[in-house]
Amino acid sequence: MSYAIIRNANYKKDNLAGLYKHNERKNTNYSNKDINKNNSIKNYSIKQCNTTYSKALNTLITENNLKCRITSYTNLVCEFIITSDKEFFETIGKEETKRYFQTAYNFVASYKNLGEQYILSAKIHLDESTPHLHLVFVPVIQTKDKNGNQVKKIACSEYWKGKDSYKKLQDSFYKYITENGFDLERGKQREVEHLSTEKLKQITNYENIKYELTQEKIQPLETKNTALILAQNKELVKYVNKLKQQLSNSYSAIETINKLQKENINLQYENQELKKDNYNLKNYINKTFEVVKHLFNFPVDTFKRLVDIFVKNMEK
């Protein structure tokens, strides 16, 4: 049994040029060796984008008065890659393959009341080993502004609101596609939408998909490896604790340095004050000597020597 596969990716403004070139095969060389450029003529569109995705988006915003705060971090468009495995498409044949992708297109146009007008491009690639649909759309929601008026807004995060939003997408797609006559399995509950595009393409054949979908349980580690990991974890904890202690010591040292710096500033200030007092005292003494000289007609040098002798005797 084959599987119904739908995978989503969100893109910002700077990604749109590269996405457009890839889907429309505008590049000269491709890192994906699975692409056969000679078969690119077989690719076709359900909805053709006649300009770049960036220009088409700007036109869409203007014509529909869409609200959006565009920054380098804003997800502006989403892309579904819709496919199954190679054996499925070989079994159902060319016409049913076309119907499969048209059915998928109809599903997206109606999902969450999106509306076909917000689909920028729907391109089927037949130049790789497994046929697949690249469907690029703008995640528009109906909401109200601060005045309570109904507005249409580009809001990727709100379009995919909820932890199980991708699960609901896969459930709804599986239900829709099987109700339209395609005998496919839903597969196990798994977030295939988060696989890279290249990884998704690598697993789109029956045996690989079957293997991928059965790899759900995490295998236990071998006892030897577990013991090694525990030992390494113990050493890591010791090392972290040592770093914490060193950091604590560093904080203490920084506090001590800050305290000493403050004390040093205070001492410098006190020293300046003492110098001023000393200078003033010297001036006072010199003036005193001058007064004695004039009052008593006593030689200043002799008086200074007598004072020095008196001070030295006092120190003894």
C-alpha atoms as a PDB file:
ATOM      1  CA  MET A   1       0.000   0.000   0.000  1.00  0.00           C
ATOM      2  CA  SER A   2       1.208   3.515  -0.850  1.00  0.00           C
ATOM      3  CA  TYR A   3       0.908   6.665   1.244  1.00  0.00           C
ATOM      4  CA  ALA A   4      -0.697  10.078   0.784  1.00  0.00           C
ATOM      5  CA  ILE A   5       2.057  12.618   1.419  1.00  0.00           C
ATOM      6  CA  ILE A   6       1.677  16.340   2.032  1.00  0.00           C
ATOM      7  CA  ARG A   7       4.493  18.410   3.491  1.00  0.00           C
ATOM      8  CA  ASN A   8       4.586  22.125   4.316  1.00  0.00           C
ATOM      9  CA  ALA A   9       7.417  24.681   4.432  1.00  0.00           C
ATOM     10  CA  ASN A  10       7.225  28.398   5.236  1.00  0.00           C
ATOM     11  CA  TYR A  11       9.233  31.036   3.382  1.00  0.00           C
ATOM     12  CA  LYS A  12      10.331  34.624   4.031  1.00  0.00           C
ATOM     13  CA  LYS A  13      10.694  37.454   1.518  1.00  0.00           C
ATOM     14  CA  ASP A  14      14.363  36.732   0.773  1.00  0.00           C
ATOM     15  CA  ASN A  15      13.575  33.081  -0.047  1.00  0.00           C
ATOM     16  CA  LEU A  16      11.000  33.805  -2.744  1.00  0.00           C
ATOM     17  CA  ALA A  17      13.409  34.366  -5.639  1.00  0.00           C
ATOM     18  CA  GLY A  18      15.180  31.045  -5.093  1.00  0.00           C
ATOM     19  CA  LEU A  19      11.889  29.202  -4.629  1.00  0.00           C
ATOM     20  CA  TYR A  20      10.499  30.648  -7.872  1.00  0.00           C
ATOM     21  CA  LYS A  21      13.618  29.746  -9.860  1.00  0.00           C
ATOM     22  CA  HIS A  22      13.586  26.182  -8.572  1.00  0.00           C
ATOM     23  CA  ASN A  23       9.898  25.523  -9.189  1.00  0.00           C
ATOM     24  CA  GLU A  24       9.908  27.135 -12.633  1.00  0.00           C
ATOM     25  CA  ARG A  25      13.244  25.545 -13.538  1.00  0.00           C
ATOM     26  CA  LYS A  26      14.947  28.887 -14.151  1.00  0.00           C
ATOM     27  CA  ASN A  27      18.312  27.726 -12.802  1.00  0.00           C
ATOM     28  CA  THR A  28      21.111  26.465 -15.008  1.00  0.00           C
ATOM     29  CA  ASN A  29      22.483  23.880 -12.613  1.00  0.00           C
ATOM     30  CA  TYR A  30      20.887  21.929  -9.780  1.00  0.00           C
ATOM     31  CA  SER A  31      22.491  20.206  -6.806  1.00  0.00           C
ATOM     32  CA  ASN A  32      19.706  17.613  -6.957  1.00  0.00           C
ATOM     33  CA  LYS A  33      21.083  15.007  -9.368  1.00  0.00           C
ATOM     34  CA  ASP A  34      17.623  13.437  -9.646  1.00  0.00           C
ATOM     35  CA  ILE A  35      16.487  16.275 -11.927  1.00  0.00           C
ATOM     36  CA  ASN A  36      16.582  15.378 -15.622  1.00  0.00           C
ATOM     37  CA  LYS A  37      16.539  18.706 -17.489  1.00  0.00           C
ATOM     38  CA  ASN A  38      15.628  16.906 -20.704  1.00  0.00           C
ATOM     39  CA  ASN A  39      12.290  15.944 -19.130  1.00  0.00           C
ATOM     40  CA  SER A  40      11.551  19.399 -17.714  1.00  0.00           C
ATOM     41  CA  ILE A  41       9.404  20.087 -20.772  1.00  0.00           C
ATOM     42  CA  LYS A  42       6.923  17.565 -19.320  1.00  0.00           C
ATOM     43  CA  ASN A  43       6.372  19.700 -16.223  1.00  0.00           C
ATOM     44  CA  TYR A  44       3.051  21.547 -16.216  1.00  0.00           C
ATOM     45  CA  SER A  45       1.036  23.985 -14.104  1.00  0.00           C
ATOM     46  CA  ILE A  46      -2.449  23.750 -12.636  1.00  0.00           C
ATOM     47  CA  LYS A  47      -2.068  27.438 -11.827  1.00  0.00           C
ATOM     48  CA  GLN A  48       0.649  29.329 -13.655  1.00  0.00           C
ATOM     49  CA  CYS A  49       2.496  32.241 -12.051  1.00  0.00           C
ATOM     50  CA  ASN A  50       3.318  34.573 -14.956  1.00  0.00           C
ATOM     51  CA  THR A  51       5.756  36.671 -12.947  1.00  0.00           C
ATOM     52  CA  THR A  52       8.045  36.209  -9.945  1.00  0.00           C
ATOM     53  CA  TYR A  53       6.545  35.175  -6.620  1.00  0.00           C
ATOM     54  CA  SER A  54       7.585  38.514  -5.107  1.00  0.00           C
ATOM     55  CA  LYS A  55       5.744  40.552  -7.755  1.00  0.00           C
ATOM     56  CA  ALA A  56       2.713  38.267  -7.623  1.00  0.00           C
ATOM     57  CA  LEU A  57       2.615  38.632  -3.840  1.00  0.00           C
ATOM     58  CA  ASN A  58       2.782  42.438  -4.026  1.00  0.00           C
ATOM     59  CA  THR A  59      -0.070  42.467  -6.552  1.00  0.00           C
ATOM     60  CA  LEU A  60      -2.120  40.163  -4.331  1.00  0.00           C
ATOM     61  CA  ILE A  61      -1.584  42.417  -1.300  1.00  0.00           C
ATOM     62  CA  THR A  62      -2.651  45.535  -3.238  1.00  0.00           C
ATOM     63  CA  GLU A  63      -5.677  44.032  -4.997  1.00  0.00           C
ATOM     64  CA  ASN A  64      -7.057  42.369  -1.850  1.00  0.00           C
ATOM     65  CA  ASN A  65      -6.023  45.050   0.659  1.00  0.00           C
ATOM     66  CA  LEU A  66      -4.187  42.434   2.735  1.00  0.00           C
ATOM     67  CA  LYS A  67      -2.806  43.527   6.075  1.00  0.00           C
ATOM     68  CA  CYS A  68       0.734  42.462   6.847  1.00  0.00           C
ATOM     69  CA  ARG A  69       3.772  43.823   8.626  1.00  0.00           C
ATOM     70  CA  ILE A  70       6.589  42.680   6.346  1.00  0.00           C
ATOM     71  CA  THR A  71      10.032  42.269   7.902  1.00  0.00           C
ATOM     72  CA  SER A  72      12.998  40.024   7.138  1.00  0.00           C
ATOM     73  CA  TYR A  73      11.595  37.608   9.742  1.00  0.00           C
ATOM     74  CA  THR A  74       8.006  37.444   8.392  1.00  0.00           C
ATOM     75  CA  ASN A  75       6.849  34.188   6.794  1.00  0.00           C
ATOM     76  CA  LEU A  76       4.891  35.397   3.758  1.00  0.00           C
ATOM     77  CA  VAL A  77       4.171  32.253   1.760  1.00  0.00           C
ATOM     78  CA  CYS A  78       3.802  28.538   2.370  1.00  0.00           C
ATOM     79  CA  GLU A  79       4.609  25.697   0.005  1.00  0.00           C
ATOM     80  CA  PHE A  80       2.997  22.276   0.000  1.00  0.00           C
ATOM     81  CA  ILE A  81       4.869  19.426  -1.624  1.00  0.00           C
ATOM     82  CA  ILE A  82       2.234  16.812  -2.432  1.00  0.00           C
ATOM     83  CA  THR A  83       3.170  13.372  -3.692  1.00  0.00           C
ATOM     84  CA  SER A  84       3.119   9.615  -3.041  1.00  0.00           C
ATOM     85  CA  ASP A  85       5.573   6.921  -4.107  1.00  0.00           C
ATOM     86  CA  LYS A  86       6.825   6.070  -7.581  1.00  0.00           C
ATOM     87  CA  GLU A  87       5.002   2.724  -7.723  1.00  0.00           C
ATOM     88  CA  PHE A  88       1.659   4.423  -6.984  1.00  0.00           C
ATOM     89  CA  PHE A  89       1.951   6.800  -9.951  1.00  0.00           C
ATOM     90  CA  GLU A  90       3.162   4.035 -12.264  1.00  0.00           C
ATOM     91  CA  THR A  91       0.147   1.918 -11.258  1.00  0.00           C
ATOM     92  CA  ILE A  92      -2.557   4.572 -11.694  1.00  0.00           C
ATOM     93  CA  GLY A  93      -1.174   5.907 -14.979  1.00  0.00           C
ATOM     94  CA  LYS A  94      -0.872   9.349 -16.566  1.00  0.00           C
ATOM     95  CA  GLU A  95      -4.512  10.505 -16.482  1.00  0.00           C
ATOM     96  CA  GLU A  96      -5.150   9.444 -12.891  1.00  0.00           C
ATOM     97  CA  THR A  97      -1.878  11.104 -11.875  1.00  0.00           C
ATOM     98  CA  LYS A  98      -3.243  14.368 -13.325  1.00  0.00           C
ATOM     99  CA  ARG A  99      -6.501  13.838 -11.420  1.00  0.00           C
ATOM    100  CA  TYR A 100      -4.578  13.130  -8.210  1.00  0.00           C
ATOM    101  CA  PHE A 101      -2.775  16.473  -8.367  1.00  0.00           C
ATOM    102  CA  GLN A 102      -5.924  18.350  -9.436  1.00  0.00           C
ATOM    103  CA  THR A 103      -7.741  16.810  -6.452  1.00  0.00           C
ATOM    104  CA  ALA A 104      -4.888  17.887  -4.176  1.00  0.00           C
ATOM    105  CA  TYR A 105      -5.112  21.413  -5.625  1.00  0.00           C
ATOM    106  CA  ASN A 106      -8.846  21.532  -4.911  1.00  0.00           C
ATOM    107  CA  PHE A 107      -8.191  20.379  -1.352  1.00  0.00           C
ATOM    108  CA  VAL A 108      -5.718  23.210  -0.676  1.00  0.00           C
ATOM    109  CA  ALA A 109      -8.025  25.853  -2.188  1.00  0.00           C
ATOM    110  CA  SER A 110     -10.779  24.856   0.235  1.00  0.00           C
ATOM    111  CA  TYR A 111      -8.661  23.985   3.289  1.00  0.00           C
ATOM    112  CA  LYS A 112      -9.262  26.472   6.128  1.00  0.00           C
ATOM    113  CA  ASN A 113     -11.358  28.517   3.665  1.00  0.00           C
ATOM    114  CA  LEU A 114      -8.191  29.706   1.963  1.00  0.00           C
ATOM    115  CA  GLY A 115      -9.596  30.500  -1.476  1.00  0.00           C
ATOM    116  CA  GLU A 116      -8.034  29.780  -4.856  1.00  0.00           C
ATOM    117  CA  GLN A 117      -7.107  33.450  -5.325  1.00  0.00           C
ATOM    118  CA  TYR A 118      -4.404  33.109  -2.675  1.00  0.00           C
ATOM    119  CA  ILE A 119      -2.639  30.274  -4.490  1.00  0.00           C
ATOM    120  CA  LEU A 120       0.327  31.835  -6.303  1.00  0.00           C
ATOM    121  CA  SER A 121       1.489  28.780  -8.187  1.00  0.00           C
ATOM    122  CA  ALA A 122       0.802  25.058  -8.564  1.00  0.00           C
ATOM    123  CA  LYS A 123       3.545  23.289 -10.514  1.00  0.00           C
ATOM    124  CA  ILE A 124       3.829  19.536 -11.175  1.00  0.00           C
ATOM    125  CA  HIS A 125       7.364  18.242 -11.653  1.00  0.00           C
ATOM    126  CA  LEU A 126       7.690  15.169 -13.851  1.00  0.00           C
ATOM    127  CA  ASP A 127      11.423  15.559 -14.483  1.00  0.00           C
ATOM    128  CA  GLU A 128      12.392  13.678 -11.321  1.00  0.00           C
ATOM    129  CA  SER A 129      12.004  10.008 -10.417  1.00  0.00           C
ATOM    130  CA  THR A 130       8.754  10.608  -8.485  1.00  0.00           C
ATOM    131  CA  PRO A 131       6.036  13.034  -9.678  1.00  0.00           C
ATOM    132  CA  HIS A 132       5.186  15.748  -7.142  1.00  0.00           C
ATOM    133  CA  LEU A 133       3.276  19.012  -6.854  1.00  0.00           C
ATOM    134  CA  HIS A 134       4.822  22.278  -5.611  1.00  0.00           C
ATOM    135  CA  LEU A 135       1.882  24.412  -4.477  1.00  0.00           C
ATOM    136  CA  VAL A 136       2.798  27.912  -3.255  1.00  0.00           C
ATOM    137  CA  PHE A 137       0.136  29.929  -1.438  1.00  0.00           C
ATOM    138  CA  VAL A 138      -0.257  32.964   0.827  1.00  0.00           C
ATOM    139  CA  PRO A 139      -1.582  32.090   4.334  1.00  0.00           C
ATOM    140  CA  VAL A 140      -4.451  34.592   4.541  1.00  0.00           C
ATOM    141  CA  ILE A 141      -6.881  34.606   7.462  1.00  0.00           C
ATOM    142  CA  GLN A 142     -10.056  36.552   8.198  1.00  0.00           C
ATOM    143  CA  THR A 143      -9.824  38.550  11.431  1.00  0.00           C
ATOM    144  CA  LYS A 144     -10.818  41.863  13.034  1.00  0.00           C
ATOM    145  CA  ASP A 145      -8.750  45.005  13.544  1.00  0.00           C
ATOM    146  CA  LYS A 146      -8.624  47.015  16.787  1.00  0.00           C
ATOM    147  CA  ASN A 147     -11.820  48.840  15.752  1.00  0.00           C
ATOM    148  CA  GLY A 148     -13.711  45.581  15.248  1.00  0.00           C
ATOM    149  CA  ASN A 149     -13.712  45.780  11.427  1.00  0.00           C
ATOM    150  CA  GLN A 150     -13.323  42.603   9.358  1.00  0.00           C
ATOM    151  CA  VAL A 151      -9.932  42.482   7.641  1.00  0.00           C
ATOM    152  CA  LYS A 152      -7.875  39.978   5.670  1.00  0.00           C
ATOM    153  CA  LYS A 153      -4.369  39.453   6.958  1.00  0.00           C
ATOM    154  CA  ILE A 154      -1.265  37.475   5.996  1.00  0.00           C
ATOM    155  CA  ALA A 155      -0.522  35.552   9.179  1.00  0.00           C
ATOM    156  CA  CYS A 156       1.421  32.332   8.846  1.00  0.00           C
ATOM    157  CA  SER A 157       1.604  31.707  12.600  1.00  0.00           C
ATOM    158  CA  GLU A 158      -2.170  32.068  12.963  1.00  0.00           C
ATOM    159  CA  TYR A 159      -2.872  29.927   9.894  1.00  0.00           C
ATOM    160  CA  TRP A 160      -0.834  27.133  11.502  1.00  0.00           C
ATOM    161  CA  LYS A 161      -2.055  27.889  15.014  1.00  0.00           C
ATOM    162  CA  GLY A 162      -1.960  24.957  17.435  1.00  0.00           C
ATOM    163  CA  LYS A 163       0.511  22.163  18.165  1.00  0.00           C
ATOM    164  CA  ASP A 164      -1.451  19.652  16.083  1.00  0.00           C
ATOM    165  CA  SER A 165      -2.014  21.925  13.071  1.00  0.00           C
ATOM    166  CA  TYR A 166       0.126  19.774  10.758  1.00  0.00           C
ATOM    167  CA  LYS A 167      -1.470  16.584  12.025  1.00  0.00           C
ATOM    168  CA  LYS A 168      -4.894  18.025  11.218  1.00  0.00           C
ATOM    169  CA  LEU A 169      -3.611  18.931   7.746  1.00  0.00           C
ATOM    170  CA  GLN A 170      -2.461  15.370   7.083  1.00  0.00           C
ATOM    171  CA  ASP A 171      -5.668  13.868   8.471  1.00  0.00           C
ATOM    172  CA  SER A 172      -7.810  16.180   6.340  1.00  0.00           C
ATOM    173  CA  PHE A 173      -5.729  15.557   3.205  1.00  0.00           C
ATOM    174  CA  TYR A 174      -5.884  11.786   3.668  1.00  0.00           C
ATOM    175  CA  LYS A 175      -9.662  11.912   4.162  1.00  0.00           C
ATOM    176  CA  TYR A 176     -10.193  14.165   1.123  1.00  0.00           C
ATOM    177  CA  ILE A 177      -7.936  12.198  -1.212  1.00  0.00           C
ATOM    178  CA  THR A 178      -9.387   8.786  -0.309  1.00  0.00           C
ATOM    179  CA  GLU A 179     -12.968  10.087  -0.587  1.00  0.00           C
ATOM    180  CA  ASN A 180     -12.064  11.040  -4.160  1.00  0.00           C
ATOM    181  CA  GLY A 181     -11.184   7.454  -5.051  1.00  0.00           C
ATOM    182  CA  PHE A 182      -7.443   7.155  -4.387  1.00  0.00           C
ATOM    183  CA  ASP A 183      -6.511   4.008  -2.477  1.00  0.00           C
ATOM    184  CA  LEU A 184      -3.800   5.305  -0.149  1.00  0.00           C
ATOM    185  CA  GLU A 185      -2.813   4.928   3.492  1.00  0.00           C
ATOM    186  CA  ARG A 186      -2.534   7.712   6.052  1.00  0.00           C
ATOM    187  CA  GLY A 187       0.475   6.106   7.715  1.00  0.00           C
ATOM    188  CA  LYS A 188       1.541   6.521  11.323  1.00  0.00           C
ATOM    189  CA  GLN A 189       1.238   9.813  13.174  1.00  0.00           C
ATOM    190  CA  ARG A 190       4.447  11.480  12.217  1.00  0.00           C
ATOM    191  CA  GLU A 191       5.586  15.005  11.378  1.00  0.00           C
ATOM    192  CA  VAL A 192       6.662  14.327   7.809  1.00  0.00           C
ATOM    193  CA  GLU A 193       6.090  18.006   7.031  1.00  0.00           C
ATOM    194  CA  HIS A 194       9.283  18.901   8.884  1.00  0.00           C
ATOM    195  CA  LEU A 195      11.490  16.789   6.602  1.00  0.00           C
ATOM    196  CA  SER A 196      13.655  18.727   4.189  1.00  0.00           C
ATOM    197  CA  THR A 197      12.564  18.730   0.553  1.00  0.00           C
ATOM    198  CA  GLU A 198      15.494  16.578  -0.497  1.00  0.00           C
ATOM    199  CA  LYS A 199      14.855  14.079   2.313  1.00  0.00           C
ATOM    200  CA  LEU A 200      11.186  13.896   1.361  1.00  0.00           C
ATOM    201  CA  LYS A 201      12.088  13.148  -2.249  1.00  0.00           C
ATOM    202  CA  GLN A 202      14.572  10.505  -1.164  1.00  0.00           C
ATOM    203  CA  ILE A 203      11.910   8.561   0.705  1.00  0.00           C
ATOM    204  CA  THR A 204       9.103   8.794  -1.882  1.00  0.00           C
ATOM    205  CA  ASN A 205       9.246   5.180  -2.973  1.00  0.00           C
ATOM    206  CA  TYR A 206       7.270   2.436  -1.300  1.00  0.00           C
ATOM    207  CA  GLU A 207       9.987   0.465   0.459  1.00  0.00           C
ATOM    208  CA  ASN A 208      11.750   3.532   1.843  1.00  0.00           C
ATOM    209  CA  ILE A 209       8.496   5.129   3.006  1.00  0.00           C
ATOM    210  CA  LYS A 210       7.481   1.898   4.676  1.00  0.00           C
ATOM    211  CA  TYR A 211      10.854   1.761   6.449  1.00  0.00           C
ATOM    212  CA  GLU A 212      10.733   5.421   7.494  1.00  0.00           C
ATOM    213  CA  LEU A 213       7.208   5.145   8.883  1.00  0.00           C
ATOM    214  CA  THR A 214       8.107   2.119  11.019  1.00  0.00           C
ATOM    215  CA  GLN A 215      11.097   3.832  12.649  1.00  0.00           C
ATOM    216  CA  GLU A 216       8.994   5.340  15.420  1.00  0.00           C
ATOM    217  CA  LYS A 217      10.445   3.777  18.547  1.00  0.00           C
ATOM    218  CA  ILE A 218      13.738   5.052  19.883  1.00  0.00           C
ATOM    219  CA  GLN A 219      16.078   2.131  20.286  1.00  0.00           C
ATOM    220  CA  PRO A 220      17.638   1.790  23.781  1.00  0.00           C
ATOM    221  CA  LEU A 221      21.347   2.496  24.109  1.00  0.00           C
ATOM    222  CA  GLU A 222      23.694  -0.377  24.684  1.00  0.00           C
ATOM    223  CA  THR A 223      24.658  -0.851  28.354  1.00  0.00           C
ATOM    224  CA  LYS A 224      28.288  -0.141  27.602  1.00  0.00           C
ATOM    225  CA  ASN A 225      27.457   3.147  25.860  1.00  0.00           C
ATOM    226  CA  THR A 226      25.036   4.115  28.622  1.00  0.00           C
ATOM    227  CA  ALA A 227      27.717   3.607  31.277  1.00  0.00           C
ATOM    228  CA  LEU A 228      30.149   5.686  29.222  1.00  0.00           C
ATOM    229  CA  ILE A 229      27.605   8.492  28.802  1.00  0.00           C
ATOM    230  CA  LEU A 230      26.842   8.486  32.542  1.00  0.00           C
ATOM    231  CA  ALA A 231      30.560   8.648  33.369  1.00  0.00           C
ATOM    232  CA  GLN A 232      31.076  11.513  30.933  1.00  0.00           C
ATOM    233  CA  ASN A 233      28.049  13.284  32.350  1.00  0.00           C
ATOM    234  CA  LYS A 234      29.515  12.945  35.862  1.00  0.00           C
ATOM    235  CA  GLU A 235      32.780  14.505  34.740  1.00  0.00           C
ATOM    236  CA  LEU A 236      30.867  17.267  32.989  1.00  0.00           C
ATOM    237  CA  VAL A 237      28.918  18.058  36.171  1.00  0.00           C
ATOM    238  CA  LYS A 238      32.204  18.269  38.118  1.00  0.00           C
ATOM    239  CA  TYR A 239      33.674  20.584  35.533  1.00  0.00           C
ATOM    240  CA  VAL A 240      30.575  22.817  35.571  1.00  0.00           C
ATOM    241  CA  ASN A 241      30.694  23.004  39.386  1.00  0.00           C
ATOM    242  CA  LYS A 242      34.377  23.945  39.200  1.00  0.00           C
ATOM    243  CA  LEU A 243      33.554  26.736  36.752  1.00  0.00           C
ATOM    244  CA  LYS A 244      30.799  27.944  39.078  1.00  0.00           C
ATOM    245  CA  GLN A 245      33.282  28.100  41.978  1.00  0.00           C
ATOM    246  CA  GLN A 246      35.810  29.958  39.871  1.00  0.00           C
ATOM    247  CA  LEU A 247      33.098  32.352  38.815  1.00  0.00           C
ATOM    248  CA  SER A 248      32.073  32.861  42.442  1.00  0.00           C
ATOM    249  CA  ASN A 249      35.720  33.534  43.396  1.00  0.00           C
ATOM    250  CA  SER A 250      35.952  35.977  40.521  1.00  0.00           C
ATOM    251  CA  TYR A 251      32.935  37.861  41.820  1.00  0.00           C
ATOM    252  CA  SER A 252      34.524  38.024  45.306  1.00  0.00           C
ATOM    253  CA  ALA A 253      37.793  39.280  43.841  1.00  0.00           C
ATOM    254  CA  ILE A 254      35.950  41.905  41.805  1.00  0.00           C
ATOM    255  CA  GLU A 255      34.106  43.085  44.925  1.00  0.00           C
ATOM    256  CA  THR A 256      37.412  43.312  46.855  1.00  0.00           C
ATOM    257  CA  ILE A 257      39.049  45.275  44.040  1.00  0.00           C
ATOM    258  CA  ASN A 258      36.105  47.666  43.876  1.00  0.00           C
ATOM    259  CA  LYS A 259      36.292  48.169  47.645  1.00  0.00           C
ATOM    260  CA  LEU A 260      40.054  48.839  47.546  1.00  0.00           C
ATOM    261  CA  GLN A 261      39.585  51.255  44.666  1.00  0.00           C
ATOM    262  CA  LYS A 262      37.024  53.198  46.695  1.00  0.00           C
ATOM    263  CA  GLU A 263      39.344  53.241  49.739  1.00  0.00           C
ATOM    264  CA  ASN A 264      42.220  54.400  47.561  1.00  0.00           C
ATOM    265  CA  ILE A 265      40.113  57.264  46.222  1.00  0.00           C
ATOM    266  CA  ASN A 266      39.233  58.266  49.807  1.00  0.00           C
ATOM    267  CA  LEU A 267      42.900  58.156  50.850  1.00  0.00           C
ATOM    268  CA  GLN A 268      43.876  60.261  47.861  1.00  0.00           C
ATOM    269  CA  TYR A 269      41.278  62.805  48.872  1.00  0.00           C
ATOM    270  CA  GLU A 270      42.493  62.823  52.512  1.00  0.00           C
ATOM    271  CA  ASN A 271      46.080  63.189  51.322  1.00  0.00           C
ATOM    272  CA  GLN A 272      45.127  66.222  49.251  1.00  0.00           C
ATOM    273  CA  GLU A 273      43.431  67.769  52.284  1.00  0.00           C
ATOM    274  CA  LEU A 274      46.499  67.140  54.459  1.00  0.00           C
ATOM    275  CA  LYS A 275      48.719  68.744  51.873  1.00  0.00           C
ATOM    276  CA  LYS A 276      46.484  71.806  51.916  1.00  0.00           C
ATOM    277  CA  ASP A 277      46.599  71.928  55.748  1.00  0.00           C
ATOM    278  CA  ASN A 278      50.364  71.510  55.752  1.00  0.00           C
ATOM    279  CA  TYR A 279      50.775  74.295  53.214  1.00  0.00           C
ATOM    280  CA  ASN A 280      48.520  76.609  55.257  1.00  0.00           C
ATOM    281  CA  LEU A 281      50.406  75.750  58.468  1.00  0.00           C
ATOM    282  CA  LYS A 282      53.765  76.561  56.881  1.00  0.00           C
ATOM    283  CA  ASN A 283      52.427  79.920  55.745  1.00  0.00           C
ATOM    284  CA  TYR A 284      51.124  80.588  59.232  1.00  0.00           C
ATOM    285  CA  ILE A 285      54.503  79.732  60.835  1.00  0.00           C
ATOM    286  CA  ASN A 286      56.432  81.884  58.373  1.00  0.00           C
ATOM    287  CA  LYS A 287      54.139  84.799  59.078  1.00  0.00           C
ATOM    288  CA  THR A 288      54.610  84.219  62.809  1.00  0.00           C
ATOM    289  CA  PHE A 289      58.394  84.419  62.392  1.00  0.00           C
ATOM    290  CA  GLU A 290      57.989  87.688  60.503  1.00  0.00           C
ATOM    291  CA  VAL A 291      55.828  89.129  63.306  1.00  0.00           C
ATOM    292  CA  VAL A 292      58.407  88.120  65.948  1.00  0.00           C
ATOM    293  CA  LYS A 293      61.153  89.662  63.864  1.00  0.00           C
ATOM    294  CA  HIS A 294      59.402  93.019  63.718  1.00  0.00           C
ATOM    295  CA  LEU A 295      58.159  93.065  67.290  1.00  0.00           C
ATOM    296  CA  PHE A 296      61.307  92.022  69.060  1.00  0.00           C
ATOM    297  CA  ASN A 297      63.968  92.853  66.498  1.00  0.00           C
ATOM    298  CA  PHE A 298      65.018  89.236  66.799  1.00  0.00           C
ATOM    299  CA  PRO A 299      66.816  87.474  63.829  1.00  0.00           C
ATOM    300  CA  VAL A 300      64.430  85.038  62.121  1.00  0.00           C
ATOM    301  CA  ASP A 301      67.102  82.409  61.475  1.00  0.00           C
ATOM    302  CA  THR A 302      68.053  82.345  65.143  1.00  0.00           C
ATOM    303  CA  PHE A 303      64.391  82.057  66.163  1.00  0.00           C
ATOM    304  CA  LYS A 304      63.845  79.142  63.714  1.00  0.00           C
ATOM    305  CA  ARG A 305      66.833  77.276  65.171  1.00  0.00           C
ATOM    306  CA  LEU A 306      65.445  77.726  68.688  1.00  0.00           C
ATOM    307  CA  VAL A 307      62.044  76.372  67.553  1.00  0.00           C
ATOM    308  CA  ASP A 308      63.668  73.360  65.833  1.00  0.00           C
ATOM    309  CA  ILE A 309      65.639  72.572  69.022  1.00  0.00           C
ATOM    310  CA  PHE A 310      62.427  72.848  71.074  1.00  0.00           C
ATOM    311  CA  VAL A 311      60.527  70.487  68.719  1.00  0.00           C
ATOM    312  CA  LYS A 312      63.316  67.901  68.773  1.00  0.00           C
ATOM    313  CA  ASN A 313      63.426  67.961  72.569  1.00  0.00           C
ATOM    314  CA  MET A 314      59.640  67.440  72.646  1.00  0.00           C
ATOM    315  CA  GLU A 315      59.916  64.402  70.317  1.00  0.00           C
ATOM    316  CA  LYS A 316      62.449  62.792  72.703  1.00  0.00           C
END
